[in-house]
C-alpha atoms as a PDB file:
ATOM      1  CA  UNK A   1      58.617   9.567  -9.203  1.00  0.00           C
ATOM      2  CA  UNK A   2      58.349  13.378  -9.905  1.00  0.00           C
ATOM      3  CA  UNK A   3      55.502  15.457  -7.361  1.00  0.00           C
ATOM      4  CA  UNK A   4      54.827  18.363  -8.320  1.00  0.00           C
ATOM      5  CA  UNK A   5      53.006  21.024  -5.942  1.00  0.00           C
ATOM      6  CA  UNK A   6      51.478  24.496  -6.698  1.00  0.00           C
ATOM      7  CA  UNK A   7      52.447  26.641  -3.559  1.00  0.00           C
ATOM      8  CA  UNK A   8      51.069  29.716  -4.843  1.00  0.00           C
ATOM      9  CA  UNK A   9      48.736  30.457  -7.911  1.00  0.00           C
ATOM     10  CA  UNK A  10      47.706  34.110  -7.981  1.00  0.00           C
ATOM     11  CA  UNK A  11      48.944  36.462  -9.754  1.00  0.00           C
ATOM     12  CA  UNK A  12      49.810  40.622  -8.998  1.00  0.00           C
ATOM     13  CA  UNK A  13      48.888  40.362  -5.240  1.00  0.00           C
ATOM     14  CA  UNK A  14      48.463  37.937  -2.723  1.00  0.00           C
ATOM     15  CA  UNK A  15      44.789  37.251  -1.454  1.00  0.00           C
ATOM     16  CA  UNK A  16      43.375  35.316   1.838  1.00  0.00           C
ATOM     17  CA  UNK A  17      42.756  32.072  -0.055  1.00  0.00           C
ATOM     18  CA  UNK A  18      45.832  32.512  -2.530  1.00  0.00           C
ATOM     19  CA  UNK A  19      49.394  32.752  -2.456  1.00  0.00           C
ATOM     20  CA  UNK A  20      51.633  34.197  -4.963  1.00  0.00           C
ATOM     21  CA  UNK A  21      53.556  32.081  -7.539  1.00  0.00           C
ATOM     22  CA  UNK A  22      55.521  28.807  -6.340  1.00  0.00           C
ATOM     23  CA  UNK A  23      56.034  25.482  -7.585  1.00  0.00           C
ATOM     24  CA  UNK A  24      57.934  23.090  -5.627  1.00  0.00           C
ATOM     25  CA  UNK A  25      59.472  19.854  -8.226  1.00  0.00           C
ATOM     26  CA  UNK A  26      60.641  16.822  -5.481  1.00  0.00           C
ATOM     27  CA  UNK A  27      62.680  13.897  -6.946  1.00  0.00           C
ATOM     28  CA  UNK A  28      64.162  10.926  -4.971  1.00  0.00           C
ATOM     29  CA  UNK A  29      64.264  13.564  -2.003  1.00  0.00           C
ATOM     30  CA  UNK A  30      66.123  16.623  -3.459  1.00  0.00           C
ATOM     31  CA  UNK A  31      63.847  19.577  -4.467  1.00  0.00           C
ATOM     32  CA  UNK A  32      64.085  22.396  -6.769  1.00  0.00           C
ATOM     33  CA  UNK A  33      61.543  25.500  -6.239  1.00  0.00           C
ATOM     34  CA  UNK A  34      60.250  27.231  -9.610  1.00  0.00           C
ATOM     35  CA  UNK A  35      59.426  30.994  -8.338  1.00  0.00           C
ATOM     36  CA  UNK A  36      59.248  32.197  -4.686  1.00  0.00           C
ATOM     37  CA  UNK A  37      56.436  34.494  -4.419  1.00  0.00           C
ATOM     38  CA  UNK A  38      55.101  36.141  -1.260  1.00  0.00           C
ATOM     39  CA  UNK A  39      54.023  33.468   1.416  1.00  0.00           C
ATOM     40  CA  UNK A  40      55.882  30.455  -0.293  1.00  0.00           C
ATOM     41  CA  UNK A  41      57.758  29.485   3.375  1.00  0.00           C
ATOM     42  CA  UNK A  42      54.209  29.620   4.816  1.00  0.00           C
ATOM     43  CA  UNK A  43      53.090  27.416   1.911  1.00  0.00           C
ATOM     44  CA  UNK A  44      55.852  24.978   2.281  1.00  0.00           C
ATOM     45  CA  UNK A  45      55.421  24.999   6.307  1.00  0.00           C
ATOM     46  CA  UNK A  46      51.586  24.034   5.318  1.00  0.00           C
ATOM     47  CA  UNK A  47      52.862  20.709   3.432  1.00  0.00           C
ATOM     48  CA  UNK A  48      55.399  19.888   5.639  1.00  0.00           C
ATOM     49  CA  UNK A  49      57.994  19.849   2.297  1.00  0.00           C
ATOM     50  CA  UNK A  50      61.117  21.317   4.355  1.00  0.00           C
ATOM     51  CA  UNK A  51      63.908  23.784   3.279  1.00  0.00           C
ATOM     52  CA  UNK A  52      66.914  22.115   3.271  1.00  0.00           C
ATOM     53  CA  UNK A  53      66.861  19.990   0.253  1.00  0.00           C
ATOM     54  CA  UNK A  54      66.415  22.891  -2.225  1.00  0.00           C
ATOM     55  CA  UNK A  55      68.993  22.311  -4.405  1.00  0.00           C
ATOM     56  CA  UNK A  56      67.911  24.904  -7.359  1.00  0.00           C
ATOM     57  CA  UNK A  57      65.366  27.860  -7.654  1.00  0.00           C
ATOM     58  CA  UNK A  58      64.782  28.845 -10.433  1.00  0.00           C
ATOM     59  CA  UNK A  59      63.145  32.685 -11.376  1.00  0.00           C
ATOM     60  CA  UNK A  60      61.054  33.284 -14.131  1.00  0.00           C
ATOM     61  CA  UNK A  61      61.305  37.213 -13.983  1.00  0.00           C
ATOM     62  CA  UNK A  62      61.896  40.003 -11.274  1.00  0.00           C
ATOM     63  CA  UNK A  63      58.522  41.325 -10.875  1.00  0.00           C
ATOM     64  CA  UNK A  64      57.490  40.934  -6.716  1.00  0.00           C
ATOM     65  CA  UNK A  65      54.978  38.182  -7.201  1.00  0.00           C
ATOM     66  CA  UNK A  66      57.357  36.040  -8.106  1.00  0.00           C
ATOM     67  CA  UNK A  67      60.679  36.709  -6.268  1.00  0.00           C
ATOM     68  CA  UNK A  68      59.694  38.547  -3.107  1.00  0.00           C
ATOM     69  CA  UNK A  69      59.637  35.618  -1.205  1.00  0.00           C
ATOM     70  CA  UNK A  70      63.239  35.333  -2.024  1.00  0.00           C
ATOM     71  CA  UNK A  71      65.264  36.863   0.847  1.00  0.00           C
ATOM     72  CA  UNK A  72      63.204  35.075   3.634  1.00  0.00           C
ATOM     73  CA  UNK A  73      63.456  31.521   2.246  1.00  0.00           C
ATOM     74  CA  UNK A  74      67.371  32.112   1.869  1.00  0.00           C
ATOM     75  CA  UNK A  75      67.516  32.653   5.799  1.00  0.00           C
ATOM     76  CA  UNK A  76      64.955  29.436   6.558  1.00  0.00           C
ATOM     77  CA  UNK A  77      67.149  27.447   4.099  1.00  0.00           C
ATOM     78  CA  UNK A  78      70.631  28.490   6.173  1.00  0.00           C
ATOM     79  CA  UNK A  79      68.587  28.127   9.385  1.00  0.00           C
ATOM     80  CA  UNK A  80      67.640  24.185   8.173  1.00  0.00           C
ATOM     81  CA  UNK A  81      70.970  23.676   8.285  1.00  0.00           C
ATOM     82  CA  UNK A  82      72.266  23.476   4.782  1.00  0.00           C
ATOM     83  CA  UNK A  83      75.553  23.958   3.333  1.00  0.00           C
ATOM     84  CA  UNK A  84      75.914  22.782  -0.052  1.00  0.00           C
ATOM     85  CA  UNK A  85      76.101  25.197  -2.332  1.00  0.00           C
ATOM     86  CA  UNK A  86      72.343  26.338  -3.700  1.00  0.00           C
ATOM     87  CA  UNK A  87      72.017  27.318  -7.462  1.00  0.00           C
ATOM     88  CA  UNK A  88      69.470  29.945  -7.988  1.00  0.00           C
ATOM     89  CA  UNK A  89      69.023  30.753 -12.139  1.00  0.00           C
ATOM     90  CA  UNK A  90      67.038  33.173 -13.889  1.00  0.00           C
ATOM     91  CA  UNK A  91      66.941  36.076 -16.362  1.00  0.00           C
ATOM     92  CA  UNK A  92      69.175  38.969 -16.885  1.00  0.00           C
ATOM     93  CA  UNK A  93      69.024  41.118 -13.897  1.00  0.00           C
ATOM     94  CA  UNK A  94      68.944  37.999 -11.041  1.00  0.00           C
ATOM     95  CA  UNK A  95      72.436  38.551 -10.318  1.00  0.00           C
ATOM     96  CA  UNK A  96      71.798  42.508  -9.060  1.00  0.00           C
ATOM     97  CA  UNK A  97      68.308  40.531  -7.468  1.00  0.00           C
ATOM     98  CA  UNK A  98      70.103  38.094  -5.713  1.00  0.00           C
ATOM     99  CA  UNK A  99      72.709  40.743  -4.686  1.00  0.00           C
ATOM    100  CA  UNK A 100      69.961  43.334  -3.443  1.00  0.00           C
ATOM    101  CA  UNK A 101      68.103  40.272  -1.407  1.00  0.00           C
ATOM    102  CA  UNK A 102      71.355  39.410   0.249  1.00  0.00           C
ATOM    103  CA  UNK A 103      71.434  42.563   1.691  1.00  0.00           C
ATOM    104  CA  UNK A 104      68.237  41.301   4.762  1.00  0.00           C
ATOM    105  CA  UNK A 105      70.100  37.387   3.954  1.00  0.00           C
ATOM    106  CA  UNK A 106      73.994  38.199   4.281  1.00  0.00           C
ATOM    107  CA  UNK A 107      75.318  35.575   6.984  1.00  0.00           C
ATOM    108  CA  UNK A 108      74.291  32.368   5.173  1.00  0.00           C
ATOM    109  CA  UNK A 109      76.302  28.799   6.288  1.00  0.00           C
ATOM    110  CA  UNK A 110      76.119  27.774   2.442  1.00  0.00           C
ATOM    111  CA  UNK A 111      77.132  29.352  -0.832  1.00  0.00           C
ATOM    112  CA  UNK A 112      74.904  31.246  -3.586  1.00  0.00           C
ATOM    113  CA  UNK A 113      75.601  30.507  -6.772  1.00  0.00           C
ATOM    114  CA  UNK A 114      73.756  32.671  -9.510  1.00  0.00           C
ATOM    115  CA  UNK A 115      73.373  31.760 -12.968  1.00  0.00           C
ATOM    116  CA  UNK A 116      71.788  34.320 -15.004  1.00  0.00           C
ATOM    117  CA  UNK A 117      69.686  33.732 -18.965  1.00  0.00           C
ATOM    118  CA  UNK A 118      71.597  30.458 -19.506  1.00  0.00           C
ATOM    119  CA  UNK A 119      71.974  30.295 -23.093  1.00  0.00           C
ATOM    120  CA  UNK A 120      72.657  26.112 -22.883  1.00  0.00           C
ATOM    121  CA  UNK A 121      71.198  23.361 -21.151  1.00  0.00           C
ATOM    122  CA  UNK A 122      71.814  22.890 -17.422  1.00  0.00           C
ATOM    123  CA  UNK A 123      72.621  19.301 -15.957  1.00  0.00           C
ATOM    124  CA  UNK A 124      72.189  17.941 -12.296  1.00  0.00           C
ATOM    125  CA  UNK A 125      74.301  21.141 -10.850  1.00  0.00           C
ATOM    126  CA  UNK A 126      74.602  19.823  -7.227  1.00  0.00           C
ATOM    127  CA  UNK A 127      76.299  16.190  -6.523  1.00  0.00           C
ATOM    128  CA  UNK A 128      72.319  14.725  -5.397  1.00  0.00           C
ATOM    129  CA  UNK A 129      70.978  15.540  -9.276  1.00  0.00           C
ATOM    130  CA  UNK A 130      74.339  14.976 -11.740  1.00  0.00           C
ATOM    131  CA  UNK A 131      72.997  12.701 -14.278  1.00  0.00           C
ATOM    132  CA  UNK A 132      69.032  12.778 -13.651  1.00  0.00           C
ATOM    133  CA  UNK A 133      68.054  16.370 -13.963  1.00  0.00           C
ATOM    134  CA  UNK A 134      68.284  18.647 -17.466  1.00  0.00           C
ATOM    135  CA  UNK A 135      66.745  21.913 -17.130  1.00  0.00           C
ATOM    136  CA  UNK A 136      66.454  24.401 -20.259  1.00  0.00           C
ATOM    137  CA  UNK A 137      65.502  27.854 -20.372  1.00  0.00           C
ATOM    138  CA  UNK A 138      63.534  29.664 -23.547  1.00  0.00           C
ATOM    139  CA  UNK A 139      63.370  33.285 -23.565  1.00  0.00           C
ATOM    140  CA  UNK A 140      59.326  34.995 -23.805  1.00  0.00           C
ATOM    141  CA  UNK A 141      57.731  38.311 -24.144  1.00  0.00           C
ATOM    142  CA  UNK A 142      56.702  40.081 -21.107  1.00  0.00           C
ATOM    143  CA  UNK A 143      57.229  43.029 -19.701  1.00  0.00           C
ATOM    144  CA  UNK A 144      60.995  42.364 -18.390  1.00  0.00           C
ATOM    145  CA  UNK A 145      63.309  39.861 -19.354  1.00  0.00           C
ATOM    146  CA  UNK A 146      61.405  36.418 -18.410  1.00  0.00           C
ATOM    147  CA  UNK A 147      62.514  32.841 -19.058  1.00  0.00           C
ATOM    148  CA  UNK A 148      60.332  29.563 -19.623  1.00  0.00           C
ATOM    149  CA  UNK A 149      61.798  26.502 -17.656  1.00  0.00           C
ATOM    150  CA  UNK A 150      61.718  23.038 -19.295  1.00  0.00           C
ATOM    151  CA  UNK A 151      62.811  20.274 -16.358  1.00  0.00           C
ATOM    152  CA  UNK A 152      63.523  17.168 -17.672  1.00  0.00           C
ATOM    153  CA  UNK A 153      63.631  13.917 -15.650  1.00  0.00           C
ATOM    154  CA  UNK A 154      66.557  11.612 -17.241  1.00  0.00           C
ATOM    155  CA  UNK A 155      65.387   7.785 -17.067  1.00  0.00           C
ATOM    156  CA  UNK A 156      68.252   4.776 -16.620  1.00  0.00           C
ATOM    157  CA  UNK A 157      68.379   2.408 -19.547  1.00  0.00           C
ATOM    158  CA  UNK A 158      67.295  -0.816 -19.084  1.00  0.00           C
ATOM    159  CA  UNK A 159      69.841  -3.114 -17.476  1.00  0.00           C
ATOM    160  CA  UNK A 160      70.818  -5.626 -20.853  1.00  0.00           C
ATOM    161  CA  UNK A 161      71.508  -9.221 -19.481  1.00  0.00           C
ATOM    162  CA  UNK A 162      72.391 -10.873 -22.728  1.00  0.00           C
ATOM    163  CA  UNK A 163      75.177  -7.764 -23.186  1.00  0.00           C
ATOM    164  CA  UNK A 164      76.086  -7.894 -20.171  1.00  0.00           C
ATOM    165  CA  UNK A 165      77.715 -11.618 -20.357  1.00  0.00           C
ATOM    166  CA  UNK A 166      78.268 -11.225 -24.120  1.00  0.00           C
ATOM    167  CA  UNK A 167      80.256  -8.261 -23.008  1.00  0.00           C
ATOM    168  CA  UNK A 168      81.855 -10.960 -20.402  1.00  0.00           C
ATOM    169  CA  UNK A 169      81.157  -7.946 -17.653  1.00  0.00           C
ATOM    170  CA  UNK A 170      81.992  -9.686 -14.403  1.00  0.00           C
ATOM    171  CA  UNK A 171      78.646  -9.920 -12.377  1.00  0.00           C
ATOM    172  CA  UNK A 172      79.948  -8.044  -9.306  1.00  0.00           C
ATOM    173  CA  UNK A 173      80.293  -5.249 -11.455  1.00  0.00           C
ATOM    174  CA  UNK A 174      76.767  -4.818 -12.864  1.00  0.00           C
ATOM    175  CA  UNK A 175      75.073  -2.885 -10.186  1.00  0.00           C
ATOM    176  CA  UNK A 176      77.530  -0.210 -10.125  1.00  0.00           C
ATOM    177  CA  UNK A 177      77.658   0.275 -13.845  1.00  0.00           C
ATOM    178  CA  UNK A 178      73.977   0.425 -13.954  1.00  0.00           C
ATOM    179  CA  UNK A 179      73.806   2.884 -11.272  1.00  0.00           C
ATOM    180  CA  UNK A 180      75.214   5.162 -13.740  1.00  0.00           C
ATOM    181  CA  UNK A 181      79.063   4.684 -13.419  1.00  0.00           C
ATOM    182  CA  UNK A 182      80.565   5.660 -16.812  1.00  0.00           C
ATOM    183  CA  UNK A 183      84.019   3.538 -16.689  1.00  0.00           C
ATOM    184  CA  UNK A 184      85.364   0.897 -14.042  1.00  0.00           C
ATOM    185  CA  UNK A 185      89.011  -0.455 -14.131  1.00  0.00           C
ATOM    186  CA  UNK A 186      89.034  -4.168 -12.641  1.00  0.00           C
ATOM    187  CA  UNK A 187      91.819  -6.576 -13.136  1.00  0.00           C
ATOM    188  CA  UNK A 188      93.189  -5.088 -15.997  1.00  0.00           C
ATOM    189  CA  UNK A 189      90.253  -4.322 -18.224  1.00  0.00           C
ATOM    190  CA  UNK A 190      88.340  -1.537 -18.606  1.00  0.00           C
ATOM    191  CA  UNK A 191      84.414  -1.729 -18.434  1.00  0.00           C
ATOM    192  CA  UNK A 192      81.739   1.073 -19.549  1.00  0.00           C
ATOM    193  CA  UNK A 193      78.059   1.185 -19.106  1.00  0.00           C
ATOM    194  CA  UNK A 194      77.345   0.829 -22.028  1.00  0.00           C
ATOM    195  CA  UNK A 195      78.246  -2.920 -22.386  1.00  0.00           C
ATOM    196  CA  UNK A 196      75.156  -3.505 -19.878  1.00  0.00           C
ATOM    197  CA  UNK A 197      72.778  -0.731 -20.389  1.00  0.00           C
ATOM    198  CA  UNK A 198      69.893  -0.974 -23.156  1.00  0.00           C
ATOM    199  CA  UNK A 199      68.651   2.061 -25.317  1.00  0.00           C
ATOM    200  CA  UNK A 200      67.643   5.126 -23.877  1.00  0.00           C
ATOM    201  CA  UNK A 201      64.257   5.368 -22.556  1.00  0.00           C
ATOM    202  CA  UNK A 202      61.814   8.563 -22.238  1.00  0.00           C
ATOM    203  CA  UNK A 203      61.813  10.449 -19.086  1.00  0.00           C
ATOM    204  CA  UNK A 204      59.497  12.966 -17.312  1.00  0.00           C
ATOM    205  CA  UNK A 205      59.375  16.070 -18.585  1.00  0.00           C
ATOM    206  CA  UNK A 206      57.725  19.315 -16.947  1.00  0.00           C
ATOM    207  CA  UNK A 207      57.391  23.154 -18.274  1.00  0.00           C
ATOM    208  CA  UNK A 208      56.522  26.076 -17.314  1.00  0.00           C
ATOM    209  CA  UNK A 209      55.135  29.093 -18.725  1.00  0.00           C
ATOM    210  CA  UNK A 210      54.601  32.197 -16.799  1.00  0.00           C
ATOM    211  CA  UNK A 211      54.546  35.340 -17.239  1.00  0.00           C
ATOM    212  CA  UNK A 212      53.851  35.559 -21.294  1.00  0.00           C
ATOM    213  CA  UNK A 213      52.178  36.532 -24.543  1.00  0.00           C
ATOM    214  CA  UNK A 214      51.442  32.835 -25.968  1.00  0.00           C
ATOM    215  CA  UNK A 215      54.615  33.456 -28.881  1.00  0.00           C
ATOM    216  CA  UNK A 216      55.201  30.647 -31.351  1.00  0.00           C
ATOM    217  CA  UNK A 217      58.546  29.235 -29.604  1.00  0.00           C
ATOM    218  CA  UNK A 218      56.414  27.867 -26.956  1.00  0.00           C
ATOM    219  CA  UNK A 219      55.139  25.097 -29.013  1.00  0.00           C
ATOM    220  CA  UNK A 220      58.453  23.608 -29.790  1.00  0.00           C
ATOM    221  CA  UNK A 221      59.682  24.024 -26.349  1.00  0.00           C
ATOM    222  CA  UNK A 222      56.749  22.239 -24.356  1.00  0.00           C
ATOM    223  CA  UNK A 223      56.188  19.595 -27.125  1.00  0.00           C
ATOM    224  CA  UNK A 224      54.887  16.319 -25.624  1.00  0.00           C
ATOM    225  CA  UNK A 225      55.786  17.405 -21.502  1.00  0.00           C
ATOM    226  CA  UNK A 226      54.084  15.252 -19.550  1.00  0.00           C
ATOM    227  CA  UNK A 227      52.903  18.437 -17.735  1.00  0.00           C
ATOM    228  CA  UNK A 228      52.761  21.828 -19.105  1.00  0.00           C
ATOM    229  CA  UNK A 229      51.968  24.280 -15.881  1.00  0.00           C
ATOM    230  CA  UNK A 230      51.022  27.688 -17.884  1.00  0.00           C
ATOM    231  CA  UNK A 231      49.814  31.175 -16.555  1.00  0.00           C
ATOM    232  CA  UNK A 232      45.899  32.044 -16.998  1.00  0.00           C
ATOM    233  CA  UNK A 233      46.030  35.149 -15.640  1.00  0.00           C
ATOM    234  CA  UNK A 234      42.804  35.850 -17.873  1.00  0.00           C
ATOM    235  CA  UNK A 235      39.912  33.214 -18.004  1.00  0.00           C
ATOM    236  CA  UNK A 236      38.452  34.661 -21.248  1.00  0.00           C
ATOM    237  CA  UNK A 237      38.619  36.142 -24.325  1.00  0.00           C
ATOM    238  CA  UNK A 238      36.411  38.819 -23.417  1.00  0.00           C
ATOM    239  CA  UNK A 239      40.208  40.208 -21.424  1.00  0.00           C
ATOM    240  CA  UNK A 240      42.202  39.865 -24.169  1.00  0.00           C
ATOM    241  CA  UNK A 241      42.490  43.282 -24.622  1.00  0.00           C
ATOM    242  CA  UNK A 242      44.129  43.505 -20.815  1.00  0.00           C
ATOM    243  CA  UNK A 243      46.198  40.533 -21.688  1.00  0.00           C
ATOM    244  CA  UNK A 244      47.836  41.756 -24.651  1.00  0.00           C
ATOM    245  CA  UNK A 245      48.483  45.155 -22.997  1.00  0.00           C
ATOM    246  CA  UNK A 246      50.129  43.473 -19.639  1.00  0.00           C
ATOM    247  CA  UNK A 247      51.680  40.460 -22.045  1.00  0.00           C
ATOM    248  CA  UNK A 248      49.161  38.078 -20.093  1.00  0.00           C
ATOM    249  CA  UNK A 249      47.189  34.806 -21.214  1.00  0.00           C
ATOM    250  CA  UNK A 250      43.687  33.697 -20.697  1.00  0.00           C
ATOM    251  CA  UNK A 251      42.238  30.372 -20.640  1.00  0.00           C
ATOM    252  CA  UNK A 252      41.533  30.127 -24.110  1.00  0.00           C
ATOM    253  CA  UNK A 253      45.747  30.832 -25.327  1.00  0.00           C
ATOM    254  CA  UNK A 254      47.084  28.561 -22.949  1.00  0.00           C
ATOM    255  CA  UNK A 255      44.939  25.720 -23.985  1.00  0.00           C
ATOM    256  CA  UNK A 256      45.527  26.295 -27.388  1.00  0.00           C
ATOM    257  CA  UNK A 257      49.545  25.760 -26.916  1.00  0.00           C
ATOM    258  CA  UNK A 258      48.765  22.653 -25.166  1.00  0.00           C
ATOM    259  CA  UNK A 259      46.852  21.557 -27.663  1.00  0.00           C
ATOM    260  CA  UNK A 260      49.112  22.381 -30.728  1.00  0.00           C
ATOM    261  CA  UNK A 261      52.146  20.764 -28.584  1.00  0.00           C
ATOM    262  CA  UNK A 262      50.375  17.455 -27.912  1.00  0.00           C
ATOM    263  CA  UNK A 263      50.969  17.668 -23.920  1.00  0.00           C
ATOM    264  CA  UNK A 264      49.353  14.956 -21.839  1.00  0.00           C
ATOM    265  CA  UNK A 265      48.062  17.551 -18.911  1.00  0.00           C
ATOM    266  CA  UNK A 266      47.766  21.392 -18.845  1.00  0.00           C
ATOM    267  CA  UNK A 267      47.642  22.959 -15.399  1.00  0.00           C
ATOM    268  CA  UNK A 268      46.380  26.439 -14.970  1.00  0.00           C
ATOM    269  CA  UNK A 269      47.894  28.556 -12.696  1.00  0.00           C
ATOM    270  CA  UNK A 270      48.946  32.899 -11.932  1.00  0.00           C
ATOM    271  CA  UNK A 271      45.317  33.835 -11.965  1.00  0.00           C
ATOM    272  CA  UNK A 272      44.447  37.462 -11.709  1.00  0.00           C
ATOM    273  CA  UNK A 273      43.702  38.797  -8.542  1.00  0.00           C
ATOM    274  CA  UNK A 274      40.338  40.097 -10.149  1.00  0.00           C
ATOM    275  CA  UNK A 275      39.204  36.405 -10.674  1.00  0.00           C
ATOM    276  CA  UNK A 276      37.533  35.010  -7.738  1.00  0.00           C
ATOM    277  CA  UNK A 277      37.245  31.468  -8.682  1.00  0.00           C
ATOM    278  CA  UNK A 278      39.320  30.293 -11.895  1.00  0.00           C
ATOM    279  CA  UNK A 279      36.935  27.438 -12.076  1.00  0.00           C
ATOM    280  CA  UNK A 280      33.909  29.221 -13.391  1.00  0.00           C
ATOM    281  CA  UNK A 281      36.282  30.087 -16.597  1.00  0.00           C
ATOM    282  CA  UNK A 282      37.333  26.213 -16.940  1.00  0.00           C
ATOM    283  CA  UNK A 283      35.142  25.556 -20.248  1.00  0.00           C
ATOM    284  CA  UNK A 284      37.052  28.309 -21.929  1.00  0.00           C
ATOM    285  CA  UNK A 285      40.013  26.119 -21.168  1.00  0.00           C
ATOM    286  CA  UNK A 286      38.595  22.398 -21.637  1.00  0.00           C
ATOM    287  CA  UNK A 287      36.322  22.860 -24.830  1.00  0.00           C
ATOM    288  CA  UNK A 288      40.266  23.873 -26.457  1.00  0.00           C
ATOM    289  CA  UNK A 289      42.142  20.763 -24.801  1.00  0.00           C
ATOM    290  CA  UNK A 290      40.292  18.224 -22.480  1.00  0.00           C
ATOM    291  CA  UNK A 291      43.008  17.497 -19.940  1.00  0.00           C
ATOM    292  CA  UNK A 292      43.225  20.893 -18.442  1.00  0.00           C
ATOM    293  CA  UNK A 293      43.538  20.869 -14.413  1.00  0.00           C
ATOM    294  CA  UNK A 294      42.440  24.338 -12.574  1.00  0.00           C
ATOM    295  CA  UNK A 295      44.809  24.735 -10.222  1.00  0.00           C
ATOM    296  CA  UNK A 296      44.874  25.551  -6.603  1.00  0.00           C
ATOM    297  CA  UNK A 297      47.500  25.855  -3.742  1.00  0.00           C
ATOM    298  CA  UNK A 298      48.679  23.002  -2.717  1.00  0.00           C
ATOM    299  CA  UNK A 299      47.246  20.950  -5.417  1.00  0.00           C
ATOM    300  CA  UNK A 300      50.036  18.047  -6.312  1.00  0.00           C
ATOM    301  CA  UNK A 301      50.370  15.734  -9.090  1.00  0.00           C
ATOM    302  CA  UNK A 302      52.664  12.292  -9.338  1.00  0.00           C
ATOM    303  CA  UNK A 303      54.207  11.922 -12.615  1.00  0.00           C
ATOM    304  CA  UNK A 304      55.887   8.530 -13.269  1.00  0.00           C
ATOM    305  CA  UNK A 305      58.349   7.273 -15.797  1.00  0.00           C
ATOM    306  CA  UNK A 306      56.162   5.505 -18.814  1.00  0.00           C
ATOM    307  CA  UNK A 307      56.814   2.104 -19.544  1.00  0.00           C
END
C-alpha cells in the first residue's frame, strides 16, 4: 500500500488555512517528499509522520513556495537521528540551491547527495527502496526550470509453485528468491529468481505535475496513472490570460489532461492565494473529468496494488 498525503496545497504565499506545496509519499515505512514549501515541517508534525525515514526529497523547481522549507527540514531530519544518506533530486540549479540552504543547515549527521536534472529514470537509491521504487522526470513549461515527477512502485511477480517444482528449486530457497534475491548458490547449483516467479504485475503509479502550462508531453508521461496530482492555480478559464502569462493551469486544463491520459483519479492542488475556497470551482473540473478530488491540507489517500 502507498499512502499519499498533501502536506500543503497552496501556491504563491501561505495562508492561515493553507500551507505551501509539499506532498508526502509513504511506502513500507519509508518516505519520499515532493517539494518543501514554507510550513512543511509544521504540517508533518500535525499528522505525526516523523522525519527520520525521509529518504528522498524531489523538488519540482526553485521557487520559494516549493523550496523555502528545505533548510529547516534538513536540520529536523538530522535532529531525528538519521545517519543514512539523503537524496535530493531537482531541476537545473538544484545543486546551487541546496548549497545555499546548507549555509544555515551546515552540520548534518548524514550525507546529502544531490541529483540535478536527471536524464534517465532513477531506481531505488537507498537500500530500503532498491528494487521497489522508480522515479522518472519530465521537463515542463514554467518561468524557471521545472520537473514533473512519476513515482512508480514496483510489484513483485506472483510466486509460481509449479515453476519452482519444475526447475527443481529446493523449498528452503523459495522464500529468498520470492523476496527478490537475484541469485543463490546452493550445493554447487545456481538458482535465480526467474526460476520461481511468474509474470510481472502492474505496480502503482503516481504522477505530480506542478507548475506548468499543459504541454502535450505531459499526456504520455501521466498515462494510466493511478493518481495524477496536478496544479490548479486558477479555478476557471476566465483566468486563462493570467494562467498563460504566469505559466500555470486552470482546473479545466488539468482535468483535460487527466481525461486524455486516462488516469484513475485527479487530485488538484497548488491553489492561488486569491482562491478562497477551491471547492467552489470543482464543477469546472468534474464536468470534464468526473474522478476529480479538490485537495486540502492533510488530505490523504491510500493506493493499493490491483489484481
